[in-house]
Amino acid sequence: MSRANPLDAALEEFEPQPRDDKPRADRTAIEQLAKENGFVSRDARKLETAATTPPVRRQRRFTTGRNMQINIKATAETIARFNALAEALNLPAGALLERAVEAMEAKHKR
């Protein structure tokens, strides 16, 4: 038993329908309407705003054997201070966290 092709009859009857071209809307009218309703342009950023963004922190890779992850919410200032300290000491973030925990344990054991 062979399988029938369901498209055999349909392809013979197929004719493309004529396309109805719609007139394009006036670009200036669209921009004016968007401005009146508070829509912001999606154009690329201007160079002066791109220059004010902070530099991207470079990737630092260490092979440490640490394989657990901890996610902590902090302020942007605290994260920047933490990353700057890790960079200055040339330590991975995990090693800096270990040192910080050890220092706090030592302080509270007194």
PDB file of N, CA and C in Angstrom:
ATOM      1  N   MET A   1       0.851  -1.176   0.000  1.00  0.00           N
ATOM      2  CA  MET A   1       0.000   0.000   0.000  1.00  0.00           C
ATOM      3  C   MET A   1       0.898   1.241   0.000  1.00  0.00           C
ATOM      4  N   SER A   2       0.683   2.116  -0.934  1.00  0.00           N
ATOM      5  CA  SER A   2       1.498   3.316  -1.006  1.00  0.00           C
ATOM      6  C   SER A   2       0.726   4.504  -0.420  1.00  0.00           C
ATOM      7  N   ARG A   3       1.464   5.411   0.007  1.00  0.00           N
ATOM      8  CA  ARG A   3       0.874   6.573   0.644  1.00  0.00           C
ATOM      9  C   ARG A   3       0.560   7.626  -0.417  1.00  0.00           C
ATOM     10  N   ALA A   4      -0.615   8.229  -0.328  1.00  0.00           N
ATOM     11  CA  ALA A   4      -1.026   9.245  -1.295  1.00  0.00           C
ATOM     12  C   ALA A   4      -0.403  10.585  -0.924  1.00  0.00           C
ATOM     13  N   ASN A   5      -0.020  11.336  -1.927  1.00  0.00           N
ATOM     14  CA  ASN A   5       0.550  12.656  -1.692  1.00  0.00           C
ATOM     15  C   ASN A   5      -0.597  13.659  -1.522  1.00  0.00           C
ATOM     16  N   PRO A   6      -0.742  14.279  -0.377  1.00  0.00           N
ATOM     17  CA  PRO A   6      -1.855  15.193  -0.147  1.00  0.00           C
ATOM     18  C   PRO A   6      -1.762  16.488  -0.945  1.00  0.00           C
ATOM     19  N   LEU A   7      -0.605  16.770  -1.541  1.00  0.00           N
ATOM     20  CA  LEU A   7      -0.437  18.025  -2.272  1.00  0.00           C
ATOM     21  C   LEU A   7      -0.664  17.886  -3.776  1.00  0.00           C
ATOM     22  N   ASP A   8      -0.893  16.685  -4.266  1.00  0.00           N
ATOM     23  CA  ASP A   8      -1.055  16.494  -5.712  1.00  0.00           C
ATOM     24  C   ASP A   8      -2.171  17.350  -6.284  1.00  0.00           C
ATOM     25  N   ALA A   9      -3.364  17.240  -5.741  1.00  0.00           N
ATOM     26  CA  ALA A   9      -4.509  17.973  -6.276  1.00  0.00           C
ATOM     27  C   ALA A   9      -4.406  19.456  -5.941  1.00  0.00           C
ATOM     28  N   ALA A  10      -3.877  19.765  -4.778  1.00  0.00           N
ATOM     29  CA  ALA A  10      -3.826  21.160  -4.334  1.00  0.00           C
ATOM     30  C   ALA A  10      -2.881  21.989  -5.195  1.00  0.00           C
ATOM     31  N   LEU A  11      -1.780  21.423  -5.658  1.00  0.00           N
ATOM     32  CA  LEU A  11      -0.823  22.191  -6.440  1.00  0.00           C
ATOM     33  C   LEU A  11      -1.339  22.518  -7.836  1.00  0.00           C
ATOM     34  N   GLU A  12      -2.169  21.684  -8.381  1.00  0.00           N
ATOM     35  CA  GLU A  12      -2.719  21.949  -9.707  1.00  0.00           C
ATOM     36  C   GLU A  12      -3.709  23.102  -9.670  1.00  0.00           C
ATOM     37  N   GLU A  13      -4.407  23.250  -8.558  1.00  0.00           N
ATOM     38  CA  GLU A  13      -5.421  24.302  -8.438  1.00  0.00           C
ATOM     39  C   GLU A  13      -4.831  25.619  -7.928  1.00  0.00           C
ATOM     40  N   PHE A  14      -3.592  25.595  -7.557  1.00  0.00           N
ATOM     41  CA  PHE A  14      -2.984  26.775  -6.933  1.00  0.00           C
ATOM     42  C   PHE A  14      -2.656  27.846  -7.958  1.00  0.00           C
ATOM     43  N   GLU A  15      -3.084  29.066  -7.653  1.00  0.00           N
ATOM     44  CA  GLU A  15      -2.714  30.228  -8.438  1.00  0.00           C
ATOM     45  C   GLU A  15      -2.431  31.354  -7.457  1.00  0.00           C
ATOM     46  N   PRO A  16      -1.316  32.039  -7.619  1.00  0.00           N
ATOM     47  CA  PRO A  16      -1.034  33.137  -6.692  1.00  0.00           C
ATOM     48  C   PRO A  16      -2.043  34.266  -6.862  1.00  0.00           C
ATOM     49  N   GLN A  17      -2.424  34.854  -5.763  1.00  0.00           N
ATOM     50  CA  GLN A  17      -3.377  35.959  -5.812  1.00  0.00           C
ATOM     51  C   GLN A  17      -2.632  37.262  -6.071  1.00  0.00           C
ATOM     52  N   PRO A  18      -3.249  38.165  -6.783  1.00  0.00           N
ATOM     53  CA  PRO A  18      -2.580  39.442  -7.043  1.00  0.00           C
ATOM     54  C   PRO A  18      -2.395  40.213  -5.733  1.00  0.00           C
ATOM     55  N   ARG A  19      -1.300  40.921  -5.661  1.00  0.00           N
ATOM     56  CA  ARG A  19      -0.957  41.652  -4.445  1.00  0.00           C
ATOM     57  C   ARG A  19      -1.600  43.034  -4.470  1.00  0.00           C
ATOM     58  N   ASP A  20      -2.207  43.406  -3.366  1.00  0.00           N
ATOM     59  CA  ASP A  20      -2.775  44.744  -3.243  1.00  0.00           C
ATOM     60  C   ASP A  20      -1.734  45.640  -2.597  1.00  0.00           C
ATOM     61  N   ASP A  21      -1.155  46.522  -3.394  1.00  0.00           N
ATOM     62  CA  ASP A  21      -0.155  47.445  -2.843  1.00  0.00           C
ATOM     63  C   ASP A  21      -0.859  48.543  -2.072  1.00  0.00           C
ATOM     64  N   LYS A  22      -0.460  48.689  -0.810  1.00  0.00           N
ATOM     65  CA  LYS A  22      -1.026  49.735   0.028  1.00  0.00           C
ATOM     66  C   LYS A  22      -0.088  50.938  -0.025  1.00  0.00           C
ATOM     67  N   PRO A  23      -0.628  52.124  -0.010  1.00  0.00           N
ATOM     68  CA  PRO A  23       0.245  53.297  -0.008  1.00  0.00           C
ATOM     69  C   PRO A  23       0.990  53.388   1.329  1.00  0.00           C
ATOM     70  N   ARG A  24       2.244  53.757   1.264  1.00  0.00           N
ATOM     71  CA  ARG A  24       3.049  53.888   2.480  1.00  0.00           C
ATOM     72  C   ARG A  24       2.670  55.175   3.204  1.00  0.00           C
ATOM     73  N   ALA A  25       2.728  55.103   4.537  1.00  0.00           N
ATOM     74  CA  ALA A  25       2.428  56.278   5.345  1.00  0.00           C
ATOM     75  C   ALA A  25       3.562  57.286   5.230  1.00  0.00           C
ATOM     76  N   ASP A  26       3.229  58.558   5.388  1.00  0.00           N
ATOM     77  CA  ASP A  26       4.223  59.619   5.313  1.00  0.00           C
ATOM     78  C   ASP A  26       5.137  59.541   6.532  1.00  0.00           C
ATOM     79  N   ARG A  27       6.448  59.489   6.304  1.00  0.00           N
ATOM     80  CA  ARG A  27       7.433  59.318   7.388  1.00  0.00           C
ATOM     81  C   ARG A  27       7.407  60.484   8.372  1.00  0.00           C
ATOM     82  N   THR A  28       7.248  61.696   7.864  1.00  0.00           N
ATOM     83  CA  THR A  28       7.231  62.863   8.758  1.00  0.00           C
ATOM     84  C   THR A  28       5.986  62.850   9.639  1.00  0.00           C
ATOM     85  N   ALA A  29       4.861  62.373   9.109  1.00  0.00           N
ATOM     86  CA  ALA A  29       3.642  62.293   9.912  1.00  0.00           C
ATOM     87  C   ALA A  29       3.810  61.259  11.027  1.00  0.00           C
ATOM     88  N   ILE A  30       4.486  60.163  10.733  1.00  0.00           N
ATOM     89  CA  ILE A  30       4.730  59.135  11.745  1.00  0.00           C
ATOM     90  C   ILE A  30       5.633  59.677  12.840  1.00  0.00           C
ATOM     91  N   GLU A  31       6.703  60.380  12.455  1.00  0.00           N
ATOM     92  CA  GLU A  31       7.621  60.945  13.445  1.00  0.00           C
ATOM     93  C   GLU A  31       6.918  61.967  14.322  1.00  0.00           C
ATOM     94  N   GLN A  32       6.064  62.803  13.721  1.00  0.00           N
ATOM     95  CA  GLN A  32       5.336  63.814  14.487  1.00  0.00           C
ATOM     96  C   GLN A  32       4.370  63.143  15.473  1.00  0.00           C
ATOM     97  N   LEU A  33       3.677  62.117  15.041  1.00  0.00           N
ATOM     98  CA  LEU A  33       2.749  61.397  15.902  1.00  0.00           C
ATOM     99  C   LEU A  33       3.484  60.714  17.049  1.00  0.00           C
ATOM    100  N   ALA A  34       4.641  60.138  16.774  1.00  0.00           N
ATOM    101  CA  ALA A  34       5.434  59.491  17.815  1.00  0.00           C
ATOM    102  C   ALA A  34       5.921  60.520  18.828  1.00  0.00           C
ATOM    103  N   LYS A  35       6.363  61.678  18.348  1.00  0.00           N
ATOM    104  CA  LYS A  35       6.849  62.723  19.249  1.00  0.00           C
ATOM    105  C   LYS A  35       5.720  63.224  20.146  1.00  0.00           C
ATOM    106  N   GLU A  36       4.528  63.393  19.592  1.00  0.00           N
ATOM    107  CA  GLU A  36       3.377  63.867  20.376  1.00  0.00           C
ATOM    108  C   GLU A  36       2.973  62.867  21.463  1.00  0.00           C
ATOM    109  N   ASN A  37       3.181  61.582  21.212  1.00  0.00           N
ATOM    110  CA  ASN A  37       2.775  60.558  22.174  1.00  0.00           C
ATOM    111  C   ASN A  37       3.911  60.065  23.058  1.00  0.00           C
ATOM    112  N   GLY A  38       5.092  60.680  22.948  1.00  0.00           N
ATOM    113  CA  GLY A  38       6.184  60.369  23.864  1.00  0.00           C
ATOM    114  C   GLY A  38       6.989  59.128  23.525  1.00  0.00           C
ATOM    115  N   PHE A  39       6.936  58.668  22.298  1.00  0.00           N
ATOM    116  CA  PHE A  39       7.740  57.510  21.918  1.00  0.00           C
ATOM    117  C   PHE A  39       9.167  57.956  21.636  1.00  0.00           C
ATOM    118  N   VAL A  40      10.127  57.189  22.129  1.00  0.00           N
ATOM    119  CA  VAL A  40      11.535  57.533  21.983  1.00  0.00           C
ATOM    120  C   VAL A  40      12.105  56.845  20.757  1.00  0.00           C
ATOM    121  N   SER A  41      13.011  57.512  20.086  1.00  0.00           N
ATOM    122  CA  SER A  41      13.640  56.947  18.900  1.00  0.00           C
ATOM    123  C   SER A  41      14.524  55.775  19.269  1.00  0.00           C
ATOM    124  N   ARG A  42      14.653  54.807  18.399  1.00  0.00           N
ATOM    125  CA  ARG A  42      15.531  53.656  18.629  1.00  0.00           C
ATOM    126  C   ARG A  42      16.834  53.804  17.865  1.00  0.00           C
ATOM    127  N   ASP A  43      17.165  55.024  17.485  1.00  0.00           N
ATOM    128  CA  ASP A  43      18.409  55.258  16.759  1.00  0.00           C
ATOM    129  C   ASP A  43      19.589  54.921  17.652  1.00  0.00           C
ATOM    130  N   ALA A  44      20.737  54.703  17.030  1.00  0.00           N
ATOM    131  CA  ALA A  44      21.954  54.386  17.771  1.00  0.00           C
ATOM    132  C   ALA A  44      22.308  55.551  18.687  1.00  0.00           C
ATOM    133  N   ARG A  45      22.975  55.212  19.810  1.00  0.00           N
ATOM    134  CA  ARG A  45      23.372  56.254  20.754  1.00  0.00           C
ATOM    135  C   ARG A  45      24.345  57.229  20.114  1.00  0.00           C
ATOM    136  N   LYS A  46      24.278  58.451  20.572  1.00  0.00           N
ATOM    137  CA  LYS A  46      25.214  59.445  20.096  1.00  0.00           C
ATOM    138  C   LYS A  46      26.564  59.196  20.760  1.00  0.00           C
ATOM    139  N   LEU A  47      27.637  59.669  20.136  1.00  0.00           N
ATOM    140  CA  LEU A  47      28.982  59.404  20.617  1.00  0.00           C
ATOM    141  C   LEU A  47      29.226  59.960  22.005  1.00  0.00           C
ATOM    142  N   GLU A  48      28.645  61.128  22.352  1.00  0.00           N
ATOM    143  CA  GLU A  48      28.918  61.696  23.669  1.00  0.00           C
ATOM    144  C   GLU A  48      28.309  60.847  24.786  1.00  0.00           C
ATOM    145  N   THR A  49      27.166  60.201  24.561  1.00  0.00           N
ATOM    146  CA  THR A  49      26.600  59.343  25.597  1.00  0.00           C
ATOM    147  C   THR A  49      27.366  58.033  25.696  1.00  0.00           C
ATOM    148  N   ALA A  50      27.893  57.551  24.586  1.00  0.00           N
ATOM    149  CA  ALA A  50      28.672  56.319  24.612  1.00  0.00           C
ATOM    150  C   ALA A  50      29.978  56.529  25.371  1.00  0.00           C
ATOM    151  N   ALA A  51      30.532  57.733  25.322  1.00  0.00           N
ATOM    152  CA  ALA A  51      31.794  58.016  25.995  1.00  0.00           C
ATOM    153  C   ALA A  51      31.619  58.112  27.507  1.00  0.00           C
ATOM    154  N   THR A  52      30.411  58.404  27.992  1.00  0.00           N
ATOM    155  CA  THR A  52      30.187  58.557  29.426  1.00  0.00           C
ATOM    156  C   THR A  52      29.922  57.233  30.122  1.00  0.00           C
ATOM    157  N   THR A  53      29.714  56.159  29.399  1.00  0.00           N
ATOM    158  CA  THR A  53      29.472  54.869  30.032  1.00  0.00           C
ATOM    159  C   THR A  53      30.769  54.357  30.644  1.00  0.00           C
ATOM    160  N   PRO A  54      30.684  53.678  31.799  1.00  0.00           N
ATOM    161  CA  PRO A  54      31.905  53.203  32.442  1.00  0.00           C
ATOM    162  C   PRO A  54      32.586  52.120  31.605  1.00  0.00           C
ATOM    163  N   PRO A  55      33.892  52.004  31.724  1.00  0.00           N
ATOM    164  CA  PRO A  55      34.600  50.995  30.939  1.00  0.00           C
ATOM    165  C   PRO A  55      34.210  49.585  31.403  1.00  0.00           C
ATOM    166  N   VAL A  56      34.211  48.668  30.481  1.00  0.00           N
ATOM    167  CA  VAL A  56      33.864  47.290  30.787  1.00  0.00           C
ATOM    168  C   VAL A  56      35.029  46.643  31.525  1.00  0.00           C
ATOM    169  N   ARG A  57      34.694  45.948  32.626  1.00  0.00           N
ATOM    170  CA  ARG A  57      35.729  45.300  33.419  1.00  0.00           C
ATOM    171  C   ARG A  57      36.288  44.123  32.633  1.00  0.00           C
ATOM    172  N   ARG A  58      37.611  44.004  32.587  1.00  0.00           N
ATOM    173  CA  ARG A  58      38.222  42.926  31.814  1.00  0.00           C
ATOM    174  C   ARG A  58      38.053  41.597  32.544  1.00  0.00           C
ATOM    175  N   GLN A  59      38.020  40.529  31.798  1.00  0.00           N
ATOM    176  CA  GLN A  59      37.880  39.187  32.367  1.00  0.00           C
ATOM    177  C   GLN A  59      39.175  38.772  33.040  1.00  0.00           C
ATOM    178  N   ARG A  60      39.056  38.219  34.226  1.00  0.00           N
ATOM    179  CA  ARG A  60      40.223  37.684  34.923  1.00  0.00           C
ATOM    180  C   ARG A  60      39.964  36.199  35.144  1.00  0.00           C
ATOM    181  N   ARG A  61      40.844  35.367  34.692  1.00  0.00           N
ATOM    182  CA  ARG A  61      40.673  33.913  34.797  1.00  0.00           C
ATOM    183  C   ARG A  61      41.743  33.349  35.713  1.00  0.00           C
ATOM    184  N   PHE A  62      41.311  32.575  36.710  1.00  0.00           N
ATOM    185  CA  PHE A  62      42.210  31.893  37.614  1.00  0.00           C
ATOM    186  C   PHE A  62      41.777  30.436  37.695  1.00  0.00           C
ATOM    187  N   THR A  63      42.723  29.533  37.776  1.00  0.00           N
ATOM    188  CA  THR A  63      42.421  28.134  38.019  1.00  0.00           C
ATOM    189  C   THR A  63      42.622  27.910  39.517  1.00  0.00           C
ATOM    190  N   THR A  64      41.524  27.745  40.242  1.00  0.00           N
ATOM    191  CA  THR A  64      41.603  27.716  41.703  1.00  0.00           C
ATOM    192  C   THR A  64      41.073  26.438  42.316  1.00  0.00           C
ATOM    193  N   GLY A  65      40.318  25.661  41.586  1.00  0.00           N
ATOM    194  CA  GLY A  65      39.707  24.470  42.163  1.00  0.00           C
ATOM    195  C   GLY A  65      38.371  24.762  42.834  1.00  0.00           C
ATOM    196  N   ARG A  66      37.997  26.012  42.918  1.00  0.00           N
ATOM    197  CA  ARG A  66      36.695  26.355  43.503  1.00  0.00           C
ATOM    198  C   ARG A  66      35.625  26.012  42.478  1.00  0.00           C
ATOM    199  N   ASN A  67      34.568  25.343  42.928  1.00  0.00           N
ATOM    200  CA  ASN A  67      33.539  24.936  41.979  1.00  0.00           C
ATOM    201  C   ASN A  67      32.127  25.245  42.470  1.00  0.00           C
ATOM    202  N   MET A  68      32.003  26.019  43.532  1.00  0.00           N
ATOM    203  CA  MET A  68      30.684  26.395  44.029  1.00  0.00           C
ATOM    204  C   MET A  68      30.473  27.883  43.756  1.00  0.00           C
ATOM    205  N   GLN A  69      29.219  28.252  43.579  1.00  0.00           N
ATOM    206  CA  GLN A  69      28.908  29.629  43.245  1.00  0.00           C
ATOM    207  C   GLN A  69      28.021  30.221  44.324  1.00  0.00           C
ATOM    208  N   ILE A  70      28.207  31.497  44.604  1.00  0.00           N
ATOM    209  CA  ILE A  70      27.362  32.219  45.541  1.00  0.00           C
ATOM    210  C   ILE A  70      26.907  33.495  44.861  1.00  0.00           C
ATOM    211  N   ASN A  71      25.631  33.769  44.906  1.00  0.00           N
ATOM    212  CA  ASN A  71      25.078  34.983  44.303  1.00  0.00           C
ATOM    213  C   ASN A  71      24.604  35.887  45.427  1.00  0.00           C
ATOM    214  N   ILE A  72      25.126  37.082  45.474  1.00  0.00           N
ATOM    215  CA  ILE A  72      24.811  38.026  46.532  1.00  0.00           C
ATOM    216  C   ILE A  72      24.389  39.334  45.900  1.00  0.00           C
ATOM    217  N   LYS A  73      23.295  39.895  46.396  1.00  0.00           N
ATOM    218  CA  LYS A  73      22.890  41.215  45.926  1.00  0.00           C
ATOM    219  C   LYS A  73      23.662  42.259  46.710  1.00  0.00           C
ATOM    220  N   ALA A  74      24.153  43.256  46.009  1.00  0.00           N
ATOM    221  CA  ALA A  74      24.891  44.347  46.635  1.00  0.00           C
ATOM    222  C   ALA A  74      24.694  45.596  45.794  1.00  0.00           C
ATOM    223  N   THR A  75      25.092  46.725  46.344  1.00  0.00           N
ATOM    224  CA  THR A  75      25.010  47.961  45.579  1.00  0.00           C
ATOM    225  C   THR A  75      26.116  47.972  44.532  1.00  0.00           C
ATOM    226  N   ALA A  76      25.935  48.791  43.541  1.00  0.00           N
ATOM    227  CA  ALA A  76      26.944  48.899  42.483  1.00  0.00           C
ATOM    228  C   ALA A  76      28.265  49.383  43.071  1.00  0.00           C
ATOM    229  N   GLU A  77      28.199  50.269  44.055  1.00  0.00           N
ATOM    230  CA  GLU A  77      29.416  50.790  44.681  1.00  0.00           C
ATOM    231  C   GLU A  77      30.174  49.681  45.411  1.00  0.00           C
ATOM    232  N   THR A  78      29.461  48.827  46.140  1.00  0.00           N
ATOM    233  CA  THR A  78      30.112  47.738  46.872  1.00  0.00           C
ATOM    234  C   THR A  78      30.753  46.743  45.909  1.00  0.00           C
ATOM    235  N   ILE A  79      30.061  46.423  44.854  1.00  0.00           N
ATOM    236  CA  ILE A  79      30.607  45.489  43.857  1.00  0.00           C
ATOM    237  C   ILE A  79      31.854  46.082  43.203  1.00  0.00           C
ATOM    238  N   ALA A  80      31.815  47.376  42.903  1.00  0.00           N
ATOM    239  CA  ALA A  80      32.976  48.030  42.300  1.00  0.00           C
ATOM    240  C   ALA A  80      34.159  48.023  43.271  1.00  0.00           C
ATOM    241  N   ARG A  81      33.902  48.277  44.561  1.00  0.00           N
ATOM    242  CA  ARG A  81      34.975  48.248  45.560  1.00  0.00           C
ATOM    243  C   ARG A  81      35.555  46.843  45.687  1.00  0.00           C
ATOM    244  N   PHE A  82      34.694  45.832  45.701  1.00  0.00           N
ATOM    245  CA  PHE A  82      35.135  44.443  45.807  1.00  0.00           C
ATOM    246  C   PHE A  82      36.015  44.073  44.616  1.00  0.00           C
ATOM    247  N   ASN A  83      35.546  44.398  43.413  1.00  0.00           N
ATOM    248  CA  ASN A  83      36.308  44.069  42.202  1.00  0.00           C
ATOM    249  C   ASN A  83      37.624  44.842  42.144  1.00  0.00           C
ATOM    250  N   ALA A  84      37.612  46.103  42.580  1.00  0.00           N
ATOM    251  CA  ALA A  84      38.846  46.900  42.586  1.00  0.00           C
ATOM    252  C   ALA A  84      39.855  46.314  43.566  1.00  0.00           C
ATOM    253  N   LEU A  85      39.381  45.859  44.730  1.00  0.00           N
ATOM    254  CA  LEU A  85      40.281  45.256  45.713  1.00  0.00           C
ATOM    255  C   LEU A  85      40.850  43.938  45.194  1.00  0.00           C
ATOM    256  N   ALA A  86      40.010  43.118  44.573  1.00  0.00           N
ATOM    257  CA  ALA A  86      40.487  41.855  43.994  1.00  0.00           C
ATOM    258  C   ALA A  86      41.521  42.119  42.911  1.00  0.00           C
ATOM    259  N   GLU A  87      41.302  43.149  42.114  1.00  0.00           N
ATOM    260  CA  GLU A  87      42.238  43.512  41.050  1.00  0.00           C
ATOM    261  C   GLU A  87      43.558  44.009  41.641  1.00  0.00           C
ATOM    262  N   ALA A  88      43.462  44.858  42.685  1.00  0.00           N
ATOM    263  CA  ALA A  88      44.668  45.416  43.296  1.00  0.00           C
ATOM    264  C   ALA A  88      45.516  44.332  43.964  1.00  0.00           C
ATOM    265  N   LEU A  89      44.859  43.362  44.589  1.00  0.00           N
ATOM    266  CA  LEU A  89      45.581  42.276  45.257  1.00  0.00           C
ATOM    267  C   LEU A  89      45.916  41.133  44.312  1.00  0.00           C
ATOM    268  N   ASN A  90      45.434  41.208  43.068  1.00  0.00           N
ATOM    269  CA  ASN A  90      45.614  40.155  42.062  1.00  0.00           C
ATOM    270  C   ASN A  90      45.130  38.809  42.595  1.00  0.00           C
ATOM    271  N   LEU A  91      43.928  38.839  43.183  1.00  0.00           N
ATOM    272  CA  LEU A  91      43.304  37.637  43.737  1.00  0.00           C
ATOM    273  C   LEU A  91      42.019  37.326  42.993  1.00  0.00           C
ATOM    274  N   PRO A  92      41.661  36.062  42.898  1.00  0.00           N
ATOM    275  CA  PRO A  92      40.336  35.742  42.390  1.00  0.00           C
ATOM    276  C   PRO A  92      39.292  36.192  43.414  1.00  0.00           C
ATOM    277  N   ALA A  93      38.078  36.406  42.954  1.00  0.00           N
ATOM    278  CA  ALA A  93      37.014  36.876  43.844  1.00  0.00           C
ATOM    279  C   ALA A  93      36.781  35.889  44.985  1.00  0.00           C
ATOM    280  N   GLY A  94      36.880  34.605  44.716  1.00  0.00           N
ATOM    281  CA  GLY A  94      36.678  33.600  45.767  1.00  0.00           C
ATOM    282  C   GLY A  94      37.730  33.693  46.855  1.00  0.00           C
ATOM    283  N   ALA A  95      38.987  33.922  46.489  1.00  0.00           N
ATOM    284  CA  ALA A  95      40.051  34.051  47.480  1.00  0.00           C
ATOM    285  C   ALA A  95      39.861  35.308  48.318  1.00  0.00           C
ATOM    286  N   LEU A  96      39.437  36.390  47.685  1.00  0.00           N
ATOM    287  CA  LEU A  96      39.175  37.624  48.431  1.00  0.00           C
ATOM    288  C   LEU A  96      38.017  37.420  49.398  1.00  0.00           C
ATOM    289  N   LEU A  97      36.987  36.720  48.975  1.00  0.00           N
ATOM    290  CA  LEU A  97      35.859  36.420  49.861  1.00  0.00           C
ATOM    291  C   LEU A  97      36.314  35.570  51.037  1.00  0.00           C
ATOM    292  N   GLU A  98      37.167  34.575  50.787  1.00  0.00           N
ATOM    293  CA  GLU A  98      37.679  33.729  51.878  1.00  0.00           C
ATOM    294  C   GLU A  98      38.451  34.567  52.890  1.00  0.00           C
ATOM    295  N   ARG A  99      39.294  35.469  52.403  1.00  0.00           N
ATOM    296  CA  ARG A  99      40.059  36.333  53.307  1.00  0.00           C
ATOM    297  C   ARG A  99      39.134  37.235  54.116  1.00  0.00           C
ATOM    298  N   ALA A 100      38.099  37.765  53.481  1.00  0.00           N
ATOM    299  CA  ALA A 100      37.160  38.641  54.181  1.00  0.00           C
ATOM    300  C   ALA A 100      36.407  37.873  55.263  1.00  0.00           C
ATOM    301  N   VAL A 101      35.998  36.652  54.967  1.00  0.00           N
ATOM    302  CA  VAL A 101      35.287  35.835  55.956  1.00  0.00           C
ATOM    303  C   VAL A 101      36.219  35.489  57.112  1.00  0.00           C
ATOM    304  N   GLU A 102      37.466  35.129  56.811  1.00  0.00           N
ATOM    305  CA  GLU A 102      38.439  34.820  57.864  1.00  0.00           C
ATOM    306  C   GLU A 102      38.677  36.034  58.757  1.00  0.00           C
ATOM    307  N   ALA A 103      38.773  37.223  58.162  1.00  0.00           N
ATOM    308  CA  ALA A 103      38.995  38.438  58.949  1.00  0.00           C
ATOM    309  C   ALA A 103      37.799  38.730  59.850  1.00  0.00           C
ATOM    310  N   MET A 104      36.594  38.553  59.350  1.00  0.00           N
ATOM    311  CA  MET A 104      35.403  38.786  60.178  1.00  0.00           C
ATOM    312  C   MET A 104      35.280  37.747  61.277  1.00  0.00           C
ATOM    313  N   GLU A 105      35.626  36.485  61.001  1.00  0.00           N
ATOM    314  CA  GLU A 105      35.611  35.459  62.049  1.00  0.00           C
ATOM    315  C   GLU A 105      36.619  35.782  63.148  1.00  0.00           C
ATOM    316  N   ALA A 106      37.804  36.207  62.753  1.00  0.00           N
ATOM    317  CA  ALA A 106      38.838  36.556  63.737  1.00  0.00           C
ATOM    318  C   ALA A 106      38.407  37.738  64.584  1.00  0.00           C
ATOM    319  N   LYS A 107      37.759  38.691  63.989  1.00  0.00           N
ATOM    320  CA  LYS A 107      37.301  39.889  64.709  1.00  0.00           C
ATOM    321  C   LYS A 107      36.213  39.533  65.710  1.00  0.00           C
ATOM    322  N   HIS A 108      35.327  38.641  65.374  1.00  0.00           N
ATOM    323  CA  HIS A 108      34.195  38.300  66.244  1.00  0.00           C
ATOM    324  C   HIS A 108      34.527  37.218  67.262  1.00  0.00           C
ATOM    325  N   LYS A 109      35.671  36.553  67.173  1.00  0.00           N
ATOM    326  CA  LYS A 109      36.067  35.539  68.154  1.00  0.00           C
ATOM    327  C   LYS A 109      36.717  36.161  69.372  1.00  0.00           C
ATOM    328  N   ARG A 110      37.077  37.422  69.296  1.00  0.00           N
ATOM    329  CA  ARG A 110      37.760  38.088  70.427  1.00  0.00           C
ATOM    330  C   ARG A 110      36.904  38.121  71.643  1.00  0.00           C
TER     331      ARG A 110
END
